[in-house]
């Protein structure tokens, strides 16, 4: 009887984790470049009451008799599907259409992101608008327009070239925004601020130019929105709530059965 209590407690804990993930997905429904997560469950170790028996000359075989001891979190996966496009009209806002991540540099560290809200700083470097990290080119170097105050116009092409018109009216290329591709993007580690870092299971980054070797192309003047589907999240919320309620009911009934056992002495 006590097994049912522990199994139900494990059910409460795992459904609470699932609710935490659903809540985080909903909270980031309007976060640019955000990728939702989902949770999978798996059963825990089962207690064997009777082992399996092989068939004999006179009788058939019997299956094992086992009682499960609850549930646990199997995995929490990041889903890297394409988000919707949001047109901003700002030429330094860039969206990736397809696979790949922008590379952001801070000293010797490199971070990866799908959020392309960029801008120029006072020295003409292309940086991430939210934290000032440098946007890196295909070779891992910063991208700069040295005479930014004299530039008449600029744009970012589909293949990542930062093109601008200088003071003399000539077209110049300041650099090419690089994209990194991973064998297993779901293995990247989230570090906040819409950024990821390489992990032991993500694979090494394959840096290159947008539109080449399976990397996506860029759309200037647009941002990629979150890939969270509110209809799916609300459905998962209801399912999670019902699962939590069912496990709570199991605890209540098990407690009532234990109370009946205690009352036998009266």
Protein backbone atom coordinates (compact mmCIF):
# COMPACT_ATOMS: atom_id res chain seq x y z
CA UNK A 1 0.00 0.00 0.00
CA UNK A 2 2.85 2.37 0.75
CA UNK A 3 4.15 1.90 -2.79
CA UNK A 4 1.10 3.73 -4.11
CA UNK A 5 1.91 6.73 -1.91
CA UNK A 6 5.48 6.96 -3.15
CA UNK A 7 4.41 6.42 -6.75
CA UNK A 8 1.86 9.21 -6.45
CA UNK A 9 4.40 11.55 -4.88
CA UNK A 10 6.75 10.93 -7.80
CA UNK A 11 3.83 11.69 -10.12
CA UNK A 12 3.22 15.01 -8.37
CA UNK A 13 6.89 15.98 -8.67
CA UNK A 14 7.19 15.13 -12.36
CA UNK A 15 3.93 16.87 -13.27
CA UNK A 16 5.14 19.94 -11.37
CA UNK A 17 8.30 19.94 -13.50
CA UNK A 18 6.19 19.64 -16.65
CA UNK A 19 4.04 22.55 -15.47
CA UNK A 20 7.22 24.58 -14.86
CA UNK A 21 8.29 23.96 -18.47
CA UNK A 22 4.83 24.80 -19.84
CA UNK A 23 4.78 28.00 -17.78
CA UNK A 24 8.19 29.03 -19.08
CA UNK A 25 7.10 28.39 -22.67
CA UNK A 26 4.01 30.56 -22.22
CA UNK A 27 6.04 33.31 -20.50
CA UNK A 28 8.31 33.47 -23.56
CA UNK A 29 5.56 33.44 -26.18
CA UNK A 30 6.72 36.87 -27.42
CA UNK A 31 10.48 36.43 -26.86
CA UNK A 32 12.36 36.77 -30.15
CA UNK A 33 14.30 33.68 -31.19
CA UNK A 34 12.98 31.63 -28.25
CA UNK A 35 12.74 27.87 -28.71
CA UNK A 36 10.19 25.98 -26.63
CA UNK A 37 10.94 22.93 -24.52
CA UNK A 38 8.99 19.75 -23.90
CA UNK A 39 9.15 17.10 -21.20
CA UNK A 40 9.06 13.32 -21.50
CA UNK A 41 8.40 10.93 -18.63
CA UNK A 42 9.74 7.44 -17.97
CA UNK A 43 8.87 4.84 -15.37
CA UNK A 44 11.21 4.08 -12.48
CA UNK A 45 12.55 0.73 -11.33
CA UNK A 46 9.89 -1.99 -11.03
CA UNK A 47 9.81 -4.39 -8.08
CA UNK A 48 9.65 -8.03 -9.17
CA UNK A 49 7.16 -10.06 -7.16
CA UNK A 50 7.57 -13.22 -9.20
CA UNK A 51 10.16 -14.01 -11.82
CA UNK A 52 9.34 -15.32 -15.29
CA UNK A 53 9.35 -19.07 -15.88
CA UNK A 54 10.39 -20.74 -19.11
CA UNK A 55 8.12 -23.32 -20.77
CA UNK A 56 8.73 -26.93 -19.75
CA UNK A 57 7.78 -30.27 -21.22
CA UNK A 58 4.49 -30.30 -19.27
CA UNK A 59 3.57 -26.63 -18.77
CA UNK A 60 3.83 -23.33 -20.58
CA UNK A 61 5.89 -20.40 -19.45
CA UNK A 62 4.68 -17.63 -17.14
CA UNK A 63 5.35 -13.92 -17.33
CA UNK A 64 7.08 -11.95 -14.58
CA UNK A 65 4.91 -10.21 -12.00
CA UNK A 66 6.20 -6.69 -11.39
CA UNK A 67 4.93 -3.60 -9.60
CA UNK A 68 6.11 -0.17 -10.71
CA UNK A 69 7.39 2.34 -8.17
CA UNK A 70 6.54 5.59 -9.89
CA UNK A 71 7.62 7.97 -12.63
CA UNK A 72 10.61 10.21 -13.30
CA UNK A 73 11.69 12.83 -15.81
CA UNK A 74 13.08 11.19 -18.93
CA UNK A 75 14.24 14.31 -20.77
CA UNK A 76 13.62 18.02 -21.24
CA UNK A 77 14.25 18.78 -24.91
CA UNK A 78 14.57 22.08 -26.76
CA UNK A 79 12.49 22.12 -29.95
CA UNK A 80 14.31 23.99 -32.74
CA UNK A 81 11.49 24.51 -35.21
CA UNK A 82 11.22 27.71 -37.24
CA UNK A 83 9.48 30.65 -35.59
CA UNK A 84 7.18 33.11 -37.34
CA UNK A 85 8.50 36.24 -39.04
CA UNK A 86 7.99 39.69 -37.53
CA UNK A 87 8.73 42.65 -39.81
CA UNK A 88 10.39 45.56 -38.01
CA UNK A 89 11.69 47.72 -40.87
CA UNK A 90 15.02 48.14 -39.04
CA UNK A 91 17.84 47.13 -41.40
CA UNK A 92 20.03 45.78 -38.58
CA UNK A 93 17.31 43.38 -37.41
CA UNK A 94 18.03 40.03 -39.04
CA UNK A 95 16.14 36.75 -39.13
CA UNK A 96 17.53 33.33 -40.05
CA UNK A 97 15.31 31.45 -42.50
CA UNK A 98 16.48 27.87 -42.01
CA UNK A 99 19.21 26.26 -39.90
CA UNK A 100 22.00 28.00 -38.06
CA UNK A 101 22.82 30.40 -35.23
CA UNK A 102 24.33 33.86 -35.08
CA UNK A 103 27.68 33.98 -33.29
CA UNK A 104 28.24 36.54 -30.54
CA UNK A 105 31.67 37.25 -29.09
CA UNK A 106 32.75 38.46 -25.66
CA UNK A 107 36.49 38.20 -25.20
CA UNK A 108 37.46 34.59 -25.92
CA UNK A 109 33.91 33.34 -25.39
CA UNK A 110 31.50 32.64 -28.23
CA UNK A 111 27.75 32.37 -27.72
CA UNK A 112 25.07 31.38 -30.20
CA UNK A 113 21.62 32.84 -30.71
CA UNK A 114 18.62 32.93 -33.06
CA UNK A 115 17.66 36.44 -31.92
CA UNK A 116 18.93 38.86 -34.55
CA UNK A 117 18.14 42.21 -32.91
CA UNK A 118 21.40 43.98 -33.77
CA UNK A 119 22.60 47.59 -33.90
CA UNK A 120 25.77 49.64 -34.32
CA UNK A 121 27.70 51.03 -31.37
CA UNK A 122 29.50 54.38 -31.34
CA UNK A 123 32.60 52.85 -32.96
CA UNK A 124 30.67 51.27 -35.81
CA UNK A 125 30.76 47.68 -34.54
CA UNK A 126 27.71 45.51 -35.19
CA UNK A 127 26.57 44.33 -31.76
CA UNK A 128 23.71 42.57 -30.03
CA UNK A 129 21.27 45.30 -28.97
CA UNK A 130 20.47 43.76 -25.58
CA UNK A 131 23.95 43.02 -24.19
CA UNK A 132 26.47 44.69 -26.51
CA UNK A 133 28.22 41.48 -27.56
CA UNK A 134 29.96 41.66 -30.93
CA UNK A 135 28.31 39.97 -33.90
CA UNK A 136 30.97 37.77 -35.52
CA UNK A 137 31.71 37.14 -39.18
CA UNK A 138 32.40 33.81 -40.88
CA UNK A 139 35.93 33.78 -39.49
CA UNK A 140 34.94 34.63 -35.92
CA UNK A 141 35.98 38.32 -36.07
CA UNK A 142 34.02 41.47 -35.24
CA UNK A 143 32.23 43.35 -38.01
CA UNK A 144 32.85 47.10 -38.16
CA UNK A 145 32.05 50.09 -40.34
CA UNK A 146 34.95 52.34 -39.33
CA UNK A 147 33.42 55.58 -40.62
CA UNK A 148 29.88 54.89 -39.45
CA UNK A 149 29.08 58.61 -39.00
CA UNK A 150 29.58 59.28 -42.73
CA UNK A 151 27.62 56.27 -44.02
CA UNK A 152 24.64 57.23 -46.14
CA UNK A 153 22.84 53.87 -45.99
CA UNK A 154 23.44 50.22 -45.19
CA UNK A 155 21.75 46.86 -45.62
CA UNK A 156 22.31 43.16 -44.89
CA UNK A 157 21.93 40.78 -47.81
CA UNK A 158 20.48 37.27 -47.79
CA UNK A 159 23.96 35.76 -47.82
CA UNK A 160 25.06 37.84 -44.81
CA UNK A 161 27.05 40.65 -46.45
CA UNK A 162 26.86 43.96 -44.58
CA UNK A 163 26.75 46.41 -47.50
CA UNK A 164 26.90 50.18 -47.04
CA UNK A 165 27.23 53.34 -49.13
CA UNK A 166 30.19 55.47 -48.04
CA UNK A 167 30.56 59.25 -48.12
CA UNK A 168 31.61 59.14 -51.79
CA UNK A 169 28.56 57.17 -52.82
CA UNK A 170 30.47 53.93 -53.37
CA UNK A 171 29.18 50.53 -52.27
CA UNK A 172 31.36 48.82 -49.67
CA UNK A 173 31.20 45.50 -47.81
CA UNK A 174 32.10 45.73 -44.13
CA UNK A 175 31.99 41.97 -43.58
CA UNK A 176 29.82 38.89 -43.77
CA UNK A 177 27.69 37.79 -40.81
CA UNK A 178 28.61 34.22 -39.99
CA UNK A 179 26.31 31.38 -39.00
CA UNK A 180 27.19 28.31 -36.96
CA UNK A 181 25.55 24.99 -37.61
CA UNK A 182 25.42 22.05 -35.19
CA UNK A 183 24.89 18.33 -35.68
CA UNK A 184 22.57 18.32 -32.64
CA UNK A 185 21.19 21.81 -31.90
CA UNK A 186 18.94 20.38 -29.18
CA UNK A 187 22.13 19.53 -27.29
CA UNK A 188 23.09 23.20 -26.90
CA UNK A 189 23.02 24.60 -23.38
CA UNK A 190 20.77 27.58 -22.68
CA UNK A 191 22.59 30.35 -20.80
CA UNK A 192 19.97 33.12 -20.78
CA UNK A 193 19.55 36.29 -22.84
CA UNK A 194 18.39 34.17 -25.81
CA UNK A 195 21.85 32.60 -26.03
CA UNK A 196 23.30 29.10 -26.12
CA UNK A 197 26.68 27.54 -25.49
CA UNK A 198 28.31 24.41 -26.87
CA UNK A 199 27.78 21.28 -24.75
CA UNK A 200 29.25 17.78 -24.80
CA UNK A 201 26.34 16.55 -26.94
CA UNK A 202 25.76 19.46 -29.34
CA UNK A 203 28.68 18.72 -31.60
CA UNK A 204 31.30 21.23 -32.68
CA UNK A 205 30.12 24.43 -34.43
CA UNK A 206 30.47 24.46 -38.21
CA UNK A 207 31.01 28.13 -39.08
CA UNK A 208 30.29 29.48 -42.51
CA UNK A 209 28.34 31.86 -44.72
CA UNK A 210 24.53 31.98 -44.75
CA UNK A 211 23.01 30.02 -47.60
CA UNK A 212 25.90 27.57 -47.86
CA UNK A 213 26.29 23.95 -46.72
CA UNK A 214 22.77 23.70 -45.34
CA UNK A 215 22.80 26.99 -43.43
CA UNK A 216 19.77 29.24 -43.65
CA UNK A 217 19.59 32.58 -45.41
CA UNK A 218 19.08 35.97 -43.75
CA UNK A 219 16.06 38.27 -43.97
CA UNK A 220 16.94 41.86 -43.15
CA UNK A 221 14.41 44.12 -41.43
CA UNK A 222 12.74 41.17 -39.70
CA UNK A 223 13.02 39.12 -36.52
CA UNK A 224 12.19 35.49 -35.77
CA UNK A 225 9.49 35.18 -33.16
CA UNK A 226 9.10 32.45 -30.55
CA UNK A 227 8.04 29.02 -31.82
CA UNK A 228 5.66 28.57 -28.86
CA UNK A 229 2.17 27.44 -29.92
CA UNK A 230 -0.26 28.73 -27.30
CA UNK A 231 -2.99 26.25 -28.29
CA UNK A 232 -0.58 23.35 -27.71
CA UNK A 233 0.71 24.84 -24.45
CA UNK A 234 -2.79 25.33 -23.03
CA UNK A 235 -3.64 21.76 -24.00
CA UNK A 236 -0.49 20.52 -22.26
CA UNK A 237 -1.41 22.63 -19.25
CA UNK A 238 -4.81 20.94 -18.95
CA UNK A 239 -3.28 17.47 -19.36
CA UNK A 240 -0.65 18.28 -16.73
CA UNK A 241 -3.26 19.63 -14.33
CA UNK A 242 -5.38 16.49 -14.68
CA UNK A 243 -2.34 14.28 -14.16
CA UNK A 244 -1.47 16.22 -11.01
CA UNK A 245 -5.04 15.91 -9.75
CA UNK A 246 -5.09 12.16 -10.43
CA UNK A 247 -1.90 11.64 -8.43
CA UNK A 248 -3.30 13.77 -5.61
CA UNK A 249 -6.37 11.54 -5.60
CA UNK A 250 -4.15 8.46 -5.36
CA UNK A 251 -2.50 9.88 -2.25
CA UNK A 252 -5.89 10.67 -0.72
CA UNK A 253 -7.30 7.18 -1.33
CA UNK A 254 -4.10 5.51 -0.08
CA UNK A 255 -4.30 7.61 3.07
CA UNK A 256 -7.93 6.55 3.59
CA UNK A 257 -6.95 2.89 3.23
CA UNK A 258 -4.17 3.31 5.78
CA UNK A 259 -6.65 4.99 8.10
CA UNK A 260 -8.97 1.99 7.79
CA UNK A 261 -6.05 -0.28 8.70
CA UNK A 262 -5.24 1.81 11.77
CA UNK A 263 -8.89 1.73 12.84
CA UNK A 264 -8.91 -2.08 12.95
CA UNK A 265 -7.42 -1.92 16.44
CA UNK A 266 -10.34 0.06 17.83
